[in-house]
Amino acid sequence: MEQLKKAIQEAISESGIEREIQQENAVSVWNEVVGVVVSKVTDAVSVNKGVLVVKTKSATWRQELYMQKKDIIDKINIKIGSTAIKEIRFI
């Protein structure tokens, strides 16, 4: 099993898609990173070129999360183990 894991990691690394996979992981960990309250009013929808797009239920939440953006980016990058996310766009 360990050999399979190593082979998959090498294939991903050699194919050049490692960064894209890390970015997509940001969508998956969004709810865990922001917690129950925020996850109920937001939806991480996509990532493109290091920009995570998050849909919010209201302008008030957009503003609140915008002010916390740097901390959220840091937490996401720690969780996914890279610096793949450079920006969050709240819509």
PDB file of N, CA and C in Angstrom:
ATOM      1  N   MET A   1       0.819  -1.187   0.000  1.00  0.00           N
ATOM      2  CA  MET A   1       0.000   0.000   0.000  1.00  0.00           C
ATOM      3  C   MET A   1       0.874   1.266   0.000  1.00  0.00           C
ATOM      4  N   GLU A   2       1.946   1.230   0.751  1.00  0.00           N
ATOM      5  CA  GLU A   2       2.851   2.383   0.820  1.00  0.00           C
ATOM      6  C   GLU A   2       3.493   2.661  -0.535  1.00  0.00           C
ATOM      7  N   GLN A   3       3.818   1.594  -1.273  1.00  0.00           N
ATOM      8  CA  GLN A   3       4.413   1.765  -2.598  1.00  0.00           C
ATOM      9  C   GLN A   3       3.427   2.422  -3.556  1.00  0.00           C
ATOM     10  N   LEU A   4       2.162   2.048  -3.453  1.00  0.00           N
ATOM     11  CA  LEU A   4       1.128   2.647  -4.299  1.00  0.00           C
ATOM     12  C   LEU A   4       0.994   4.136  -3.999  1.00  0.00           C
ATOM     13  N   LYS A   5       0.985   4.480  -2.727  1.00  0.00           N
ATOM     14  CA  LYS A   5       0.882   5.885  -2.313  1.00  0.00           C
ATOM     15  C   LYS A   5       2.066   6.684  -2.874  1.00  0.00           C
ATOM     16  N   LYS A   6       3.256   6.116  -2.758  1.00  0.00           N
ATOM     17  CA  LYS A   6       4.452   6.790  -3.256  1.00  0.00           C
ATOM     18  C   LYS A   6       4.390   6.950  -4.776  1.00  0.00           C
ATOM     19  N   ALA A   7       3.930   5.921  -5.470  1.00  0.00           N
ATOM     20  CA  ALA A   7       3.825   5.977  -6.933  1.00  0.00           C
ATOM     21  C   ALA A   7       2.832   7.046  -7.368  1.00  0.00           C
ATOM     22  N   ILE A   8       1.713   7.136  -6.672  1.00  0.00           N
ATOM     23  CA  ILE A   8       0.702   8.155  -6.999  1.00  0.00           C
ATOM     24  C   ILE A   8       1.272   9.549  -6.760  1.00  0.00           C
ATOM     25  N   GLN A   9       1.939   9.747  -5.629  1.00  0.00           N
ATOM     26  CA  GLN A   9       2.528  11.054  -5.329  1.00  0.00           C
ATOM     27  C   GLN A   9       3.566  11.444  -6.370  1.00  0.00           C
ATOM     28  N   GLU A  10       4.375  10.500  -6.802  1.00  0.00           N
ATOM     29  CA  GLU A  10       5.376  10.788  -7.829  1.00  0.00           C
ATOM     30  C   GLU A  10       4.717  11.138  -9.159  1.00  0.00           C
ATOM     31  N   ALA A  11       3.679  10.402  -9.518  1.00  0.00           N
ATOM     32  CA  ALA A  11       2.976  10.674 -10.776  1.00  0.00           C
ATOM     33  C   ALA A  11       2.351  12.063 -10.761  1.00  0.00           C
ATOM     34  N   ILE A  12       1.758  12.426  -9.650  1.00  0.00           N
ATOM     35  CA  ILE A  12       1.151  13.759  -9.516  1.00  0.00           C
ATOM     36  C   ILE A  12       2.221  14.833  -9.623  1.00  0.00           C
ATOM     37  N   SER A  13       3.305  14.629  -8.926  1.00  0.00           N
ATOM     38  CA  SER A  13       4.396  15.605  -8.932  1.00  0.00           C
ATOM     39  C   SER A  13       4.994  15.762 -10.330  1.00  0.00           C
ATOM     40  N   GLU A  14       5.219  14.653 -11.011  1.00  0.00           N
ATOM     41  CA  GLU A  14       5.813  14.698 -12.342  1.00  0.00           C
ATOM     42  C   GLU A  14       4.869  15.270 -13.400  1.00  0.00           C
ATOM     43  N   SER A  15       3.567  15.116 -13.179  1.00  0.00           N
ATOM     44  CA  SER A  15       2.601  15.597 -14.174  1.00  0.00           C
ATOM     45  C   SER A  15       2.404  17.108 -14.116  1.00  0.00           C
ATOM     46  N   GLY A  16       2.824  17.719 -13.010  1.00  0.00           N
ATOM     47  CA  GLY A  16       2.686  19.164 -12.882  1.00  0.00           C
ATOM     48  C   GLY A  16       1.315  19.615 -12.414  1.00  0.00           C
ATOM     49  N   ILE A  17       0.492  18.704 -11.924  1.00  0.00           N
ATOM     50  CA  ILE A  17      -0.849  19.088 -11.467  1.00  0.00           C
ATOM     51  C   ILE A  17      -0.956  19.170  -9.944  1.00  0.00           C
ATOM     52  N   GLU A  18       0.158  19.051  -9.280  1.00  0.00           N
ATOM     53  CA  GLU A  18       0.155  19.069  -7.810  1.00  0.00           C
ATOM     54  C   GLU A  18      -0.468  20.357  -7.270  1.00  0.00           C
ATOM     55  N   ARG A  19      -0.111  21.474  -7.844  1.00  0.00           N
ATOM     56  CA  ARG A  19      -0.627  22.767  -7.390  1.00  0.00           C
ATOM     57  C   ARG A  19      -2.149  22.836  -7.563  1.00  0.00           C
ATOM     58  N   GLU A  20      -2.643  22.348  -8.691  1.00  0.00           N
ATOM     59  CA  GLU A  20      -4.086  22.366  -8.947  1.00  0.00           C
ATOM     60  C   GLU A  20      -4.839  21.489  -7.951  1.00  0.00           C
ATOM     61  N   ILE A  21      -4.268  20.339  -7.629  1.00  0.00           N
ATOM     62  CA  ILE A  21      -4.903  19.454  -6.645  1.00  0.00           C
ATOM     63  C   ILE A  21      -4.935  20.124  -5.282  1.00  0.00           C
ATOM     64  N   GLN A  22      -3.854  20.777  -4.890  1.00  0.00           N
ATOM     65  CA  GLN A  22      -3.818  21.485  -3.612  1.00  0.00           C
ATOM     66  C   GLN A  22      -4.871  22.595  -3.591  1.00  0.00           C
ATOM     67  N   GLN A  23      -5.014  23.300  -4.704  1.00  0.00           N
ATOM     68  CA  GLN A  23      -6.018  24.358  -4.771  1.00  0.00           C
ATOM     69  C   GLN A  23      -7.422  23.787  -4.609  1.00  0.00           C
ATOM     70  N   GLU A  24      -7.711  22.703  -5.282  1.00  0.00           N
ATOM     71  CA  GLU A  24      -9.038  22.083  -5.179  1.00  0.00           C
ATOM     72  C   GLU A  24      -9.305  21.576  -3.771  1.00  0.00           C
ATOM     73  N   ASN A  25      -8.258  21.179  -3.066  1.00  0.00           N
ATOM     74  CA  ASN A  25      -8.417  20.758  -1.678  1.00  0.00           C
ATOM     75  C   ASN A  25      -8.946  21.899  -0.812  1.00  0.00           C
ATOM     76  N   ALA A  26      -8.649  23.122  -1.192  1.00  0.00           N
ATOM     77  CA  ALA A  26      -9.133  24.279  -0.433  1.00  0.00           C
ATOM     78  C   ALA A  26     -10.656  24.316  -0.411  1.00  0.00           C
ATOM     79  N   VAL A  27     -11.279  23.941  -1.510  1.00  0.00           N
ATOM     80  CA  VAL A  27     -12.745  23.889  -1.562  1.00  0.00           C
ATOM     81  C   VAL A  27     -13.247  22.838  -0.577  1.00  0.00           C
ATOM     82  N   SER A  28     -12.563  21.712  -0.531  1.00  0.00           N
ATOM     83  CA  SER A  28     -12.968  20.607   0.333  1.00  0.00           C
ATOM     84  C   SER A  28     -12.840  20.936   1.818  1.00  0.00           C
ATOM     85  N   VAL A  29     -11.839  21.705   2.183  1.00  0.00           N
ATOM     86  CA  VAL A  29     -11.605  21.979   3.610  1.00  0.00           C
ATOM     87  C   VAL A  29     -12.260  23.275   4.092  1.00  0.00           C
ATOM     88  N   TRP A  30     -12.915  24.004   3.196  1.00  0.00           N
ATOM     89  CA  TRP A  30     -13.514  25.292   3.560  1.00  0.00           C
ATOM     90  C   TRP A  30     -14.358  25.200   4.834  1.00  0.00           C
ATOM     91  N   ASN A  31     -15.336  24.297   4.863  1.00  0.00           N
ATOM     92  CA  ASN A  31     -16.239  24.212   6.016  1.00  0.00           C
ATOM     93  C   ASN A  31     -15.497  23.908   7.300  1.00  0.00           C
ATOM     94  N   GLU A  32     -14.516  23.045   7.221  1.00  0.00           N
ATOM     95  CA  GLU A  32     -13.737  22.689   8.401  1.00  0.00           C
ATOM     96  C   GLU A  32     -12.936  23.885   8.921  1.00  0.00           C
ATOM     97  N   VAL A  33     -12.378  24.656   8.004  1.00  0.00           N
ATOM     98  CA  VAL A  33     -11.533  25.794   8.380  1.00  0.00           C
ATOM     99  C   VAL A  33     -12.357  26.931   8.985  1.00  0.00           C
ATOM    100  N   VAL A  34     -13.504  27.237   8.397  1.00  0.00           N
ATOM    101  CA  VAL A  34     -14.267  28.396   8.854  1.00  0.00           C
ATOM    102  C   VAL A  34     -15.252  28.079   9.973  1.00  0.00           C
ATOM    103  N   GLY A  35     -15.575  26.825  10.173  1.00  0.00           N
ATOM    104  CA  GLY A  35     -16.467  26.447  11.258  1.00  0.00           C
ATOM    105  C   GLY A  35     -17.931  26.394  10.859  1.00  0.00           C
ATOM    106  N   VAL A  36     -18.743  25.934  11.800  1.00  0.00           N
ATOM    107  CA  VAL A  36     -20.161  25.658  11.546  1.00  0.00           C
ATOM    108  C   VAL A  36     -20.947  26.913  11.183  1.00  0.00           C
ATOM    109  N   VAL A  37     -20.790  27.984  11.925  1.00  0.00           N
ATOM    110  CA  VAL A  37     -21.588  29.197  11.701  1.00  0.00           C
ATOM    111  C   VAL A  37     -21.341  29.763  10.305  1.00  0.00           C
ATOM    112  N   VAL A  38     -20.087  29.951   9.955  1.00  0.00           N
ATOM    113  CA  VAL A  38     -19.745  30.533   8.653  1.00  0.00           C
ATOM    114  C   VAL A  38     -20.088  29.564   7.519  1.00  0.00           C
ATOM    115  N   SER A  39     -19.885  28.285   7.732  1.00  0.00           N
ATOM    116  CA  SER A  39     -20.174  27.325   6.662  1.00  0.00           C
ATOM    117  C   SER A  39     -21.667  27.271   6.327  1.00  0.00           C
ATOM    118  N   LYS A  40     -22.515  27.660   7.264  1.00  0.00           N
ATOM    119  CA  LYS A  40     -23.958  27.687   6.991  1.00  0.00           C
ATOM    120  C   LYS A  40     -24.360  28.842   6.075  1.00  0.00           C
ATOM    121  N   VAL A  41     -23.535  29.872   5.997  1.00  0.00           N
ATOM    122  CA  VAL A  41     -23.885  31.052   5.194  1.00  0.00           C
ATOM    123  C   VAL A  41     -22.945  31.261   4.008  1.00  0.00           C
ATOM    124  N   THR A  42     -22.082  30.281   3.751  1.00  0.00           N
ATOM    125  CA  THR A  42     -21.141  30.388   2.638  1.00  0.00           C
ATOM    126  C   THR A  42     -21.045  29.059   1.895  1.00  0.00           C
ATOM    127  N   ASP A  43     -20.488  29.147   0.697  1.00  0.00           N
ATOM    128  CA  ASP A  43     -20.232  27.954  -0.097  1.00  0.00           C
ATOM    129  C   ASP A  43     -18.990  28.206  -0.947  1.00  0.00           C
ATOM    130  N   ALA A  44     -17.928  27.448  -0.682  1.00  0.00           N
ATOM    131  CA  ALA A  44     -16.723  27.547  -1.511  1.00  0.00           C
ATOM    132  C   ALA A  44     -17.030  26.857  -2.832  1.00  0.00           C
ATOM    133  N   VAL A  45     -16.994  27.611  -3.930  1.00  0.00           N
ATOM    134  CA  VAL A  45     -17.469  27.061  -5.194  1.00  0.00           C
ATOM    135  C   VAL A  45     -16.376  26.654  -6.174  1.00  0.00           C
ATOM    136  N   SER A  46     -15.243  27.359  -6.165  1.00  0.00           N
ATOM    137  CA  SER A  46     -14.195  27.012  -7.129  1.00  0.00           C
ATOM    138  C   SER A  46     -12.876  27.672  -6.761  1.00  0.00           C
ATOM    139  N   VAL A  47     -11.841  27.226  -7.459  1.00  0.00           N
ATOM    140  CA  VAL A  47     -10.510  27.833  -7.333  1.00  0.00           C
ATOM    141  C   VAL A  47      -9.945  27.975  -8.730  1.00  0.00           C
ATOM    142  N   ASN A  48      -9.385  29.154  -9.008  1.00  0.00           N
ATOM    143  CA  ASN A  48      -8.752  29.377 -10.300  1.00  0.00           C
ATOM    144  C   ASN A  48      -7.508  30.233 -10.097  1.00  0.00           C
ATOM    145  N   LYS A  49      -6.373  29.674 -10.452  1.00  0.00           N
ATOM    146  CA  LYS A  49      -5.094  30.383 -10.352  1.00  0.00           C
ATOM    147  C   LYS A  49      -4.853  30.953  -8.963  1.00  0.00           C
ATOM    148  N   GLY A  50      -5.139  30.161  -7.941  1.00  0.00           N
ATOM    149  CA  GLY A  50      -4.865  30.561  -6.569  1.00  0.00           C
ATOM    150  C   GLY A  50      -5.928  31.425  -5.939  1.00  0.00           C
ATOM    151  N   VAL A  51      -7.035  31.679  -6.650  1.00  0.00           N
ATOM    152  CA  VAL A  51      -8.120  32.503  -6.115  1.00  0.00           C
ATOM    153  C   VAL A  51      -9.307  31.593  -5.789  1.00  0.00           C
ATOM    154  N   LEU A  52      -9.622  31.521  -4.506  1.00  0.00           N
ATOM    155  CA  LEU A  52     -10.764  30.741  -4.033  1.00  0.00           C
ATOM    156  C   LEU A  52     -12.006  31.617  -4.109  1.00  0.00           C
ATOM    157  N   VAL A  53     -13.032  31.125  -4.782  1.00  0.00           N
ATOM    158  CA  VAL A  53     -14.287  31.870  -4.915  1.00  0.00           C
ATOM    159  C   VAL A  53     -15.282  31.295  -3.917  1.00  0.00           C
ATOM    160  N   VAL A  54     -15.818  32.192  -3.077  1.00  0.00           N
ATOM    161  CA  VAL A  54     -16.745  31.789  -2.025  1.00  0.00           C
ATOM    162  C   VAL A  54     -18.028  32.586  -2.159  1.00  0.00           C
ATOM    163  N   LYS A  55     -19.132  31.878  -2.285  1.00  0.00           N
ATOM    164  CA  LYS A  55     -20.447  32.507  -2.371  1.00  0.00           C
ATOM    165  C   LYS A  55     -20.965  32.728  -0.951  1.00  0.00           C
ATOM    166  N   THR A  56     -21.448  33.946  -0.687  1.00  0.00           N
ATOM    167  CA  THR A  56     -21.987  34.274   0.637  1.00  0.00           C
ATOM    168  C   THR A  56     -23.475  34.576   0.533  1.00  0.00           C
ATOM    169  N   LYS A  57     -24.184  34.419   1.653  1.00  0.00           N
ATOM    170  CA  LYS A  57     -25.636  34.634   1.655  1.00  0.00           C
ATOM    171  C   LYS A  57     -26.025  36.106   1.704  1.00  0.00           C
ATOM    172  N   SER A  58     -25.093  36.976   2.118  1.00  0.00           N
ATOM    173  CA  SER A  58     -25.454  38.388   2.221  1.00  0.00           C
ATOM    174  C   SER A  58     -24.220  39.275   2.112  1.00  0.00           C
ATOM    175  N   ALA A  59     -24.487  40.547   1.847  1.00  0.00           N
ATOM    176  CA  ALA A  59     -23.403  41.532   1.781  1.00  0.00           C
ATOM    177  C   ALA A  59     -22.738  41.700   3.145  1.00  0.00           C
ATOM    178  N   THR A  60     -23.510  41.547   4.191  1.00  0.00           N
ATOM    179  CA  THR A  60     -22.963  41.659   5.547  1.00  0.00           C
ATOM    180  C   THR A  60     -21.919  40.581   5.789  1.00  0.00           C
ATOM    181  N   TRP A  61     -22.235  39.356   5.394  1.00  0.00           N
ATOM    182  CA  TRP A  61     -21.267  38.270   5.541  1.00  0.00           C
ATOM    183  C   TRP A  61     -20.059  38.485   4.639  1.00  0.00           C
ATOM    184  N   ARG A  62     -20.272  38.994   3.429  1.00  0.00           N
ATOM    185  CA  ARG A  62     -19.135  39.285   2.537  1.00  0.00           C
ATOM    186  C   ARG A  62     -18.171  40.252   3.208  1.00  0.00           C
ATOM    187  N   GLN A  63     -18.712  41.292   3.789  1.00  0.00           N
ATOM    188  CA  GLN A  63     -17.882  42.303   4.452  1.00  0.00           C
ATOM    189  C   GLN A  63     -17.149  41.716   5.659  1.00  0.00           C
ATOM    190  N   GLU A  64     -17.854  40.968   6.463  1.00  0.00           N
ATOM    191  CA  GLU A  64     -17.243  40.358   7.657  1.00  0.00           C
ATOM    192  C   GLU A  64     -16.102  39.417   7.260  1.00  0.00           C
ATOM    193  N   LEU A  65     -16.349  38.579   6.283  1.00  0.00           N
ATOM    194  CA  LEU A  65     -15.328  37.629   5.856  1.00  0.00           C
ATOM    195  C   LEU A  65     -14.172  38.305   5.134  1.00  0.00           C
ATOM    196  N   TYR A  66     -14.464  39.374   4.411  1.00  0.00           N
ATOM    197  CA  TYR A  66     -13.404  40.136   3.755  1.00  0.00           C
ATOM    198  C   TYR A  66     -12.401  40.639   4.788  1.00  0.00           C
ATOM    199  N   MET A  67     -12.907  41.072   5.916  1.00  0.00           N
ATOM    200  CA  MET A  67     -12.026  41.589   6.972  1.00  0.00           C
ATOM    201  C   MET A  67     -11.190  40.473   7.621  1.00  0.00           C
ATOM    202  N   GLN A  68     -11.635  39.245   7.496  1.00  0.00           N
ATOM    203  CA  GLN A  68     -10.914  38.101   8.066  1.00  0.00           C
ATOM    204  C   GLN A  68     -10.127  37.319   7.009  1.00  0.00           C
ATOM    205  N   LYS A  69     -10.106  37.836   5.803  1.00  0.00           N
ATOM    206  CA  LYS A  69      -9.567  37.114   4.651  1.00  0.00           C
ATOM    207  C   LYS A  69      -8.148  36.590   4.865  1.00  0.00           C
ATOM    208  N   LYS A  70      -7.249  37.406   5.336  1.00  0.00           N
ATOM    209  CA  LYS A  70      -5.849  36.985   5.507  1.00  0.00           C
ATOM    210  C   LYS A  70      -5.750  35.797   6.449  1.00  0.00           C
ATOM    211  N   ASP A  71      -6.455  35.856   7.575  1.00  0.00           N
ATOM    212  CA  ASP A  71      -6.428  34.741   8.527  1.00  0.00           C
ATOM    213  C   ASP A  71      -7.004  33.470   7.918  1.00  0.00           C
ATOM    214  N   ILE A  72      -8.085  33.614   7.164  1.00  0.00           N
ATOM    215  CA  ILE A  72      -8.707  32.449   6.537  1.00  0.00           C
ATOM    216  C   ILE A  72      -7.764  31.827   5.509  1.00  0.00           C
ATOM    217  N   ILE A  73      -7.116  32.663   4.706  1.00  0.00           N
ATOM    218  CA  ILE A  73      -6.145  32.157   3.717  1.00  0.00           C
ATOM    219  C   ILE A  73      -5.033  31.391   4.422  1.00  0.00           C
ATOM    220  N   ASP A  74      -4.512  31.964   5.492  1.00  0.00           N
ATOM    221  CA  ASP A  74      -3.441  31.294   6.245  1.00  0.00           C
ATOM    222  C   ASP A  74      -3.900  29.940   6.774  1.00  0.00           C
ATOM    223  N   LYS A  75      -5.098  29.882   7.337  1.00  0.00           N
ATOM    224  CA  LYS A  75      -5.621  28.625   7.886  1.00  0.00           C
ATOM    225  C   LYS A  75      -5.839  27.585   6.797  1.00  0.00           C
ATOM    226  N   ILE A  76      -6.352  28.013   5.658  1.00  0.00           N
ATOM    227  CA  ILE A  76      -6.561  27.080   4.548  1.00  0.00           C
ATOM    228  C   ILE A  76      -5.223  26.528   4.067  1.00  0.00           C
ATOM    229  N   ASN A  77      -4.259  27.399   3.876  1.00  0.00           N
ATOM    230  CA  ASN A  77      -2.952  26.956   3.383  1.00  0.00           C
ATOM    231  C   ASN A  77      -2.271  26.006   4.367  1.00  0.00           C
ATOM    232  N   ILE A  78      -2.433  26.258   5.647  1.00  0.00           N
ATOM    233  CA  ILE A  78      -1.893  25.327   6.646  1.00  0.00           C
ATOM    234  C   ILE A  78      -2.588  23.976   6.525  1.00  0.00           C
ATOM    235  N   LYS A  79      -3.895  24.011   6.389  1.00  0.00           N
ATOM    236  CA  LYS A  79      -4.678  22.775   6.311  1.00  0.00           C
ATOM    237  C   LYS A  79      -4.326  21.954   5.070  1.00  0.00           C
ATOM    238  N   ILE A  80      -4.126  22.602   3.927  1.00  0.00           N
ATOM    239  CA  ILE A  80      -3.822  21.856   2.700  1.00  0.00           C
ATOM    240  C   ILE A  80      -2.324  21.598   2.533  1.00  0.00           C
ATOM    241  N   GLY A  81      -1.513  22.205   3.388  1.00  0.00           N
ATOM    242  CA  GLY A  81      -0.077  21.937   3.368  1.00  0.00           C
ATOM    243  C   GLY A  81       0.683  22.607   2.245  1.00  0.00           C
ATOM    244  N   SER A  82       0.191  23.764   1.799  1.00  0.00           N
ATOM    245  CA  SER A  82       0.909  24.509   0.756  1.00  0.00           C
ATOM    246  C   SER A  82       0.474  25.970   0.810  1.00  0.00           C
ATOM    247  N   THR A  83       1.024  26.750  -0.088  1.00  0.00           N
ATOM    248  CA  THR A  83       0.615  28.151  -0.201  1.00  0.00           C
ATOM    249  C   THR A  83      -0.145  28.349  -1.515  1.00  0.00           C
ATOM    250  N   ALA A  84      -0.952  27.376  -1.871  1.00  0.00           N
ATOM    251  CA  ALA A  84      -1.665  27.384  -3.146  1.00  0.00           C
ATOM    252  C   ALA A  84      -2.705  28.483  -3.234  1.00  0.00           C
ATOM    253  N   ILE A  85      -3.306  28.847  -2.094  1.00  0.00           N
ATOM    254  CA  ILE A  85      -4.356  29.880  -2.112  1.00  0.00           C
ATOM    255  C   ILE A  85      -3.716  31.237  -1.801  1.00  0.00           C
ATOM    256  N   LYS A  86      -3.874  32.143  -2.759  1.00  0.00           N
ATOM    257  CA  LYS A  86      -3.289  33.482  -2.635  1.00  0.00           C
ATOM    258  C   LYS A  86      -4.355  34.528  -2.317  1.00  0.00           C
ATOM    259  N   GLU A  87      -5.598  34.250  -2.685  1.00  0.00           N
ATOM    260  CA  GLU A  87      -6.656  35.252  -2.571  1.00  0.00           C
ATOM    261  C   GLU A  87      -7.993  34.542  -2.397  1.00  0.00           C
ATOM    262  N   ILE A  88      -8.933  35.220  -1.760  1.00  0.00           N
ATOM    263  CA  ILE A  88     -10.309  34.747  -1.685  1.00  0.00           C
ATOM    264  C   ILE A  88     -11.196  35.848  -2.245  1.00  0.00           C
ATOM    265  N   ARG A  89     -12.089  35.464  -3.135  1.00  0.00           N
ATOM    266  CA  ARG A  89     -13.052  36.411  -3.691  1.00  0.00           C
ATOM    267  C   ARG A  89     -14.425  36.015  -3.177  1.00  0.00           C
ATOM    268  N   PHE A  90     -15.037  36.904  -2.413  1.00  0.00           N
ATOM    269  CA  PHE A  90     -16.366  36.672  -1.872  1.00  0.00           C
ATOM    270  C   PHE A  90     -17.411  37.259  -2.817  1.00  0.00           C
ATOM    271  N   ILE A  91     -18.379  36.437  -3.199  1.00  0.00           N
ATOM    272  CA  ILE A  91     -19.422  36.897  -4.121  1.00  0.00           C
ATOM    273  C   ILE A  91     -20.791  36.703  -3.505  1.00  0.00           C
TER     274      ILE A  91
END
